[in-house]
């Protein structure tokens, strides 16, 4: 058995996520307490007691999701369940890098504090939106986006989730136009997402520059577990310029589709999504019908998954 740990991105947040784990496990509470000290805000209170609107602000959602994921990792560590490879979606790359030993916990939380703030606030003032396009190959989506850009309206692919799902990002007008054109081109579904910024596009250049300065203050470590980059779907190497990669990550599309292919090449047969929601598990199930796919976002799932993984070992 070869295991991948997968960490979700923004959009997976729900009020109260992980509360049962927080109440039940001292290890999880400790992670929240430490993360809250570093971030300068009470992440438990924010996650369990605020409104969805407040929690969904980029500067809050990134910290809340990552803290929940890291809390669950502590429980898996206690059970001696380890991964052969780790991957995240967008902000999920940070818990993956922390798990892989590339970034210290304190640095990771501090980076997400800045990343979330810059991505949420250093954004041009136009109205932006994102939409998931399902059932159409990415080359067709790229073509339609290019046509709309020729008309002077900004829209680009931002997340290549798996072969049949790509998320587009851009001006609201461009997204509406793209949805219409892509449905005409044969897309099965086009769903507007609850994430509002033009994430993973060139519109976040100002955020990238500001964030790069924060990244330059961090000393990265040599990792001990393989971690896949969102940027190009390859594994991080010791020679990689982490500051450059993680800064460019903000303005570049996420290639989760390539990460899935790479995990297949690496012989991964068991996938565990760690944190809120089941989005990444869903992508894997679409591409790999015979894989063992699990997600851990509450005590019930945690117990079942630990039991199942021990039987598979």
Protein backbone atom coordinates (compact mmCIF):
# COMPACT_ATOMS: atom_id res chain seq x y z
CA UNK A 1 0.00 0.00 0.00
CA UNK A 2 1.26 3.46 -0.93
CA UNK A 3 -0.52 6.41 0.68
CA UNK A 4 -1.04 10.02 -0.39
CA UNK A 5 -2.22 12.65 2.08
CA UNK A 6 -4.26 15.38 0.34
CA UNK A 7 -5.09 18.79 1.80
CA UNK A 8 -8.13 20.83 0.67
CA UNK A 9 -8.18 24.47 -0.43
CA UNK A 10 -10.38 27.49 0.08
CA UNK A 11 -14.09 26.95 -0.52
CA UNK A 12 -14.19 23.82 1.67
CA UNK A 13 -14.83 25.83 4.85
CA UNK A 14 -17.99 25.42 6.93
CA UNK A 15 -18.83 26.95 10.30
CA UNK A 16 -18.16 24.36 13.02
CA UNK A 17 -15.83 22.22 10.89
CA UNK A 18 -13.59 20.07 13.08
CA UNK A 19 -15.37 21.07 16.31
CA UNK A 20 -15.88 17.47 17.49
CA UNK A 21 -12.16 16.75 16.94
CA UNK A 22 -11.23 19.94 18.82
CA UNK A 23 -13.45 19.06 21.78
CA UNK A 24 -12.32 15.44 21.92
CA UNK A 25 -8.56 15.60 21.44
CA UNK A 26 -5.98 17.55 23.45
CA UNK A 27 -3.53 17.31 20.50
CA UNK A 28 -5.99 19.13 18.23
CA UNK A 29 -6.71 21.85 20.80
CA UNK A 30 -2.95 22.40 21.18
CA UNK A 31 -2.57 22.96 17.41
CA UNK A 32 -5.40 25.53 17.44
CA UNK A 33 -3.90 27.31 20.48
CA UNK A 34 -0.43 27.50 18.93
CA UNK A 35 -1.76 28.59 15.52
CA UNK A 36 -3.94 31.27 17.17
CA UNK A 37 -0.92 32.71 19.02
CA UNK A 38 1.10 32.93 15.79
CA UNK A 39 -1.79 34.33 13.73
CA UNK A 40 -2.87 36.83 16.38
CA UNK A 41 -6.51 35.68 16.18
CA UNK A 42 -8.57 32.98 17.90
CA UNK A 43 -8.87 30.40 15.11
CA UNK A 44 -11.13 28.08 17.14
CA UNK A 45 -13.62 30.88 17.85
CA UNK A 46 -13.45 32.01 14.23
CA UNK A 47 -14.11 28.46 12.95
CA UNK A 48 -16.79 27.41 15.40
CA UNK A 49 -18.66 30.62 16.26
CA UNK A 50 -18.43 33.15 13.41
CA UNK A 51 -20.73 33.49 10.40
CA UNK A 52 -19.94 31.72 7.12
CA UNK A 53 -19.38 35.15 5.58
CA UNK A 54 -16.70 35.99 8.17
CA UNK A 55 -15.08 32.55 7.99
CA UNK A 56 -15.03 32.70 4.18
CA UNK A 57 -12.94 35.89 4.09
CA UNK A 58 -9.67 34.81 2.49
CA UNK A 59 -7.55 35.88 5.49
CA UNK A 60 -9.72 33.69 7.77
CA UNK A 61 -10.51 30.68 5.57
CA UNK A 62 -6.87 29.89 4.76
CA UNK A 63 -5.85 29.78 8.43
CA UNK A 64 -8.96 27.89 9.55
CA UNK A 65 -8.69 25.14 6.92
CA UNK A 66 -4.94 24.64 7.37
CA UNK A 67 -5.22 24.53 11.19
CA UNK A 68 -7.91 21.85 11.00
CA UNK A 69 -5.78 19.78 8.60
CA UNK A 70 -2.70 20.04 10.83
CA UNK A 71 -4.73 19.06 13.91
CA UNK A 72 -5.87 15.86 12.14
CA UNK A 73 -2.25 15.12 11.11
CA UNK A 74 -1.30 15.03 14.81
CA UNK A 75 -3.90 12.28 15.38
CA UNK A 76 -2.62 10.23 12.42
CA UNK A 77 0.94 10.62 13.68
CA UNK A 78 -0.16 9.17 17.03
CA UNK A 79 -1.47 6.10 15.16
CA UNK A 80 1.79 5.77 13.15
CA UNK A 81 -0.03 6.36 9.87
CA UNK A 82 2.37 8.03 7.45
CA UNK A 83 2.16 9.06 3.80
CA UNK A 84 4.52 8.33 0.93
CA UNK A 85 3.54 11.56 -0.79
CA UNK A 86 1.62 14.75 0.10
CA UNK A 87 -0.28 17.21 -2.07
CA UNK A 88 -2.59 20.15 -1.43
CA UNK A 89 -4.93 22.30 -3.48
CA UNK A 90 -3.80 25.94 -3.43
CA UNK A 91 -3.53 26.83 0.29
CA UNK A 92 -3.50 23.04 0.94
CA UNK A 93 0.08 23.02 -0.36
CA UNK A 94 1.10 24.62 2.97
CA UNK A 95 -0.05 21.81 5.31
CA UNK A 96 1.50 19.43 2.74
CA UNK A 97 4.85 21.26 2.96
CA UNK A 98 4.62 21.41 6.76
CA UNK A 99 3.91 17.67 6.88
CA UNK A 100 6.79 17.02 4.46
CA UNK A 101 9.24 18.92 6.67
CA UNK A 102 9.90 21.78 4.23
CA UNK A 103 8.28 24.48 6.37
CA UNK A 104 8.22 24.74 10.17
CA UNK A 105 4.76 24.95 11.77
CA UNK A 106 5.33 28.51 13.00
CA UNK A 107 6.54 29.71 9.60
CA UNK A 108 3.68 27.95 7.80
CA UNK A 109 0.96 29.60 9.90
CA UNK A 110 2.67 32.97 9.66
CA UNK A 111 2.96 32.66 5.88
CA UNK A 112 -0.73 31.75 5.57
CA UNK A 113 -1.65 34.77 7.71
CA UNK A 114 0.11 37.04 5.20
CA UNK A 115 -0.93 35.05 2.12
CA UNK A 116 -4.61 35.16 3.09
CA UNK A 117 -4.46 38.88 3.87
CA UNK A 118 -2.68 39.81 0.62
CA UNK A 119 -4.88 37.58 -1.55
CA UNK A 120 -8.01 39.00 0.08
CA UNK A 121 -7.00 42.66 0.09
CA UNK A 122 -4.42 43.43 -2.60
CA UNK A 123 -6.86 42.80 -5.42
CA UNK A 124 -7.99 45.19 -8.20
CA UNK A 125 -11.40 46.66 -7.43
CA UNK A 126 -13.42 45.15 -10.32
CA UNK A 127 -16.01 42.46 -9.55
CA UNK A 128 -14.49 39.00 -9.88
CA UNK A 129 -15.90 35.50 -9.81
CA UNK A 130 -14.85 31.87 -10.30
CA UNK A 131 -16.75 28.97 -11.88
CA UNK A 132 -16.19 25.22 -12.14
CA UNK A 133 -16.64 23.85 -15.67
CA UNK A 134 -17.46 20.14 -15.73
CA UNK A 135 -17.41 17.67 -18.60
CA UNK A 136 -15.34 19.61 -21.13
CA UNK A 137 -11.66 19.17 -21.95
CA UNK A 138 -9.36 21.93 -20.72
CA UNK A 139 -8.06 22.80 -24.22
CA UNK A 140 -11.60 23.87 -25.25
CA UNK A 141 -11.94 25.94 -22.06
CA UNK A 142 -8.58 27.65 -22.77
CA UNK A 143 -9.80 28.44 -26.30
CA UNK A 144 -13.07 30.03 -25.11
CA UNK A 145 -11.29 32.07 -22.40
CA UNK A 146 -8.80 33.36 -25.00
CA UNK A 147 -11.69 34.45 -27.27
CA UNK A 148 -13.32 36.41 -24.45
CA UNK A 149 -9.99 38.06 -23.54
CA UNK A 150 -9.66 39.18 -27.17
CA UNK A 151 -12.87 41.16 -26.57
CA UNK A 152 -11.13 42.93 -23.68
CA UNK A 153 -12.74 41.00 -20.81
CA UNK A 154 -10.45 39.11 -18.41
CA UNK A 155 -11.09 35.37 -17.83
CA UNK A 156 -8.57 32.49 -17.56
CA UNK A 157 -8.37 28.87 -16.35
CA UNK A 158 -7.21 28.96 -12.69
CA UNK A 159 -7.53 25.40 -11.36
CA UNK A 160 -7.13 22.27 -13.47
CA UNK A 161 -8.77 19.90 -10.97
CA UNK A 162 -8.95 16.69 -13.02
CA UNK A 163 -9.38 15.85 -16.70
CA UNK A 164 -13.09 16.73 -16.76
CA UNK A 165 -13.16 19.72 -14.38
CA UNK A 166 -11.44 23.09 -14.73
CA UNK A 167 -12.13 26.21 -12.68
CA UNK A 168 -12.06 29.54 -14.49
CA UNK A 169 -11.41 32.88 -12.83
CA UNK A 170 -11.92 36.46 -13.96
CA UNK A 171 -14.17 39.50 -14.19
CA UNK A 172 -17.79 38.69 -13.40
CA UNK A 173 -18.87 39.67 -16.92
CA UNK A 174 -16.22 37.34 -18.39
CA UNK A 175 -17.30 34.45 -16.19
CA UNK A 176 -20.97 34.88 -17.18
CA UNK A 177 -20.00 35.00 -20.86
CA UNK A 178 -17.69 31.97 -20.51
CA UNK A 179 -20.40 29.92 -18.75
CA UNK A 180 -22.79 30.60 -21.63
CA UNK A 181 -20.22 29.81 -24.36
CA UNK A 182 -18.87 26.70 -22.61
CA UNK A 183 -22.36 25.26 -22.16
CA UNK A 184 -22.92 25.79 -25.88
CA UNK A 185 -19.59 24.01 -26.50
CA UNK A 186 -20.79 20.92 -24.62
CA UNK A 187 -19.93 21.47 -20.94
CA UNK A 188 -22.19 19.28 -18.78
CA UNK A 189 -22.26 21.79 -15.93
CA UNK A 190 -20.94 25.25 -15.06
CA UNK A 191 -21.18 26.20 -11.39
CA UNK A 192 -20.27 29.58 -9.89
CA UNK A 193 -18.13 29.14 -6.75
CA UNK A 194 -18.27 30.89 -3.37
CA UNK A 195 -14.66 32.09 -3.78
CA UNK A 196 -14.68 35.65 -5.06
CA UNK A 197 -11.11 36.80 -5.82
CA UNK A 198 -9.32 36.35 -9.16
CA UNK A 199 -7.12 33.72 -7.49
CA UNK A 200 -4.30 32.04 -9.43
CA UNK A 201 -4.35 34.70 -12.14
CA UNK A 202 -2.10 37.63 -13.11
CA UNK A 203 -4.58 39.99 -11.40
CA UNK A 204 -2.92 39.09 -8.08
CA UNK A 205 0.48 40.44 -9.12
CA UNK A 206 0.46 43.05 -6.33
CA UNK A 207 -0.30 40.31 -3.77
CA UNK A 208 2.50 38.17 -5.24
CA UNK A 209 5.06 40.97 -4.82
CA UNK A 210 4.03 41.70 -1.22
CA UNK A 211 3.98 37.99 -0.34
CA UNK A 212 7.41 37.39 -1.89
CA UNK A 213 8.88 39.77 0.72
CA UNK A 214 7.38 37.63 3.51
CA UNK A 215 8.65 34.42 1.90
CA UNK A 216 12.17 35.87 1.80
CA UNK A 217 12.17 36.04 5.63
CA UNK A 218 11.66 32.27 5.93
CA UNK A 219 14.36 29.63 5.85
CA UNK A 220 13.00 26.48 4.23
CA UNK A 221 14.17 22.99 5.22
CA UNK A 222 15.09 19.96 3.19
CA UNK A 223 11.95 17.81 3.21
CA UNK A 224 11.66 14.18 4.27
CA UNK A 225 8.50 13.24 2.34
CA UNK A 226 7.70 13.84 -1.33
CA UNK A 227 5.44 16.86 -1.87
CA UNK A 228 3.87 17.74 -5.22
CA UNK A 229 3.93 21.34 -6.46
CA UNK A 230 0.65 22.92 -7.62
CA UNK A 231 2.64 24.99 -10.08
CA UNK A 232 3.49 22.17 -12.49
CA UNK A 233 2.50 18.87 -10.85
CA UNK A 234 6.11 17.78 -10.19
CA UNK A 235 7.79 16.82 -6.90
CA UNK A 236 9.73 19.47 -4.98
CA UNK A 237 13.51 19.07 -5.31
CA UNK A 238 16.25 20.25 -2.93
CA UNK A 239 17.45 22.71 -5.59
CA UNK A 240 14.03 24.40 -5.96
CA UNK A 241 13.70 28.11 -5.18
CA UNK A 242 10.84 27.80 -2.69
CA UNK A 243 10.32 31.57 -2.37
CA UNK A 244 9.93 31.94 -6.12
CA UNK A 245 7.64 28.90 -6.49
CA UNK A 246 5.31 29.85 -3.62
CA UNK A 247 5.11 33.49 -4.72
CA UNK A 248 4.30 32.50 -8.32
CA UNK A 249 1.76 29.97 -6.99
CA UNK A 250 -0.61 32.90 -6.27
CA UNK A 251 -0.64 34.11 -9.91
CA UNK A 252 -0.39 30.72 -11.69
CA UNK A 253 -3.00 28.02 -12.34
CA UNK A 254 -3.16 25.04 -9.97
CA UNK A 255 -2.31 21.79 -11.80
CA UNK A 256 -4.04 19.21 -9.62
CA UNK A 257 -4.76 17.22 -12.79
CA UNK A 258 -1.01 16.71 -13.26
CA UNK A 259 -0.60 15.82 -9.57
CA UNK A 260 -3.16 13.00 -10.00
CA UNK A 261 -1.20 11.61 -12.97
CA UNK A 262 2.06 11.82 -11.03
CA UNK A 263 0.58 9.98 -8.03
CA UNK A 264 -0.52 7.24 -10.41
CA UNK A 265 3.04 7.01 -11.79
CA UNK A 266 4.36 6.84 -8.21
CA UNK A 267 2.15 3.81 -7.55
CA UNK A 268 -0.13 5.51 -5.01
CA UNK A 269 -3.22 3.35 -4.43
CA UNK A 270 -4.62 4.89 -1.21
CA UNK A 271 -5.66 8.54 -0.92
CA UNK A 272 -6.57 10.26 2.35
CA UNK A 273 -8.08 13.76 2.25
CA UNK A 274 -7.32 15.58 5.50
CA UNK A 275 -9.54 18.55 6.37
CA UNK A 276 -13.00 19.86 5.50
CA UNK A 277 -15.03 18.55 2.58
CA UNK A 278 -14.55 15.81 0.01
CA UNK A 279 -13.59 17.78 -3.11
CA UNK A 280 -10.18 16.19 -3.66
CA UNK A 281 -11.54 12.71 -2.89
CA UNK A 282 -14.14 13.39 -5.58
CA UNK A 283 -11.46 14.27 -8.16
CA UNK A 284 -9.56 11.05 -7.41
CA UNK A 285 -12.71 8.89 -7.61
CA UNK A 286 -13.49 10.34 -11.04
CA UNK A 287 -10.02 9.47 -12.38
CA UNK A 288 -9.15 6.29 -10.45
CA UNK A 289 -12.12 4.00 -10.00
CA UNK A 290 -10.13 1.27 -8.21
CA UNK A 291 -8.31 3.46 -5.65
CA UNK A 292 -8.90 3.39 -1.89
CA UNK A 293 -10.18 6.91 -1.19
CA UNK A 294 -10.90 8.29 2.29
CA UNK A 295 -11.58 11.66 3.83
CA UNK A 296 -11.18 12.73 7.44
CA UNK A 297 -13.21 15.70 8.65
CA UNK A 298 -14.82 14.43 11.87
CA UNK A 299 -14.35 11.83 14.63
CA UNK A 300 -16.53 9.23 12.93
CA UNK A 301 -14.49 9.39 9.71
CA UNK A 302 -11.22 9.46 11.64
CA UNK A 303 -12.03 6.22 13.47
CA UNK A 304 -13.22 4.47 10.30
CA UNK A 305 -10.20 5.58 8.27
CA UNK A 306 -7.64 4.55 10.91
CA UNK A 307 -9.32 1.13 11.11
CA UNK A 308 -9.44 0.74 7.31
CA UNK A 309 -5.81 1.81 6.83
CA UNK A 310 -4.60 -0.62 9.47
CA UNK A 311 -6.45 -3.45 7.70
CA UNK A 312 -4.94 -2.47 4.34
CA UNK A 313 -1.38 -2.39 5.72
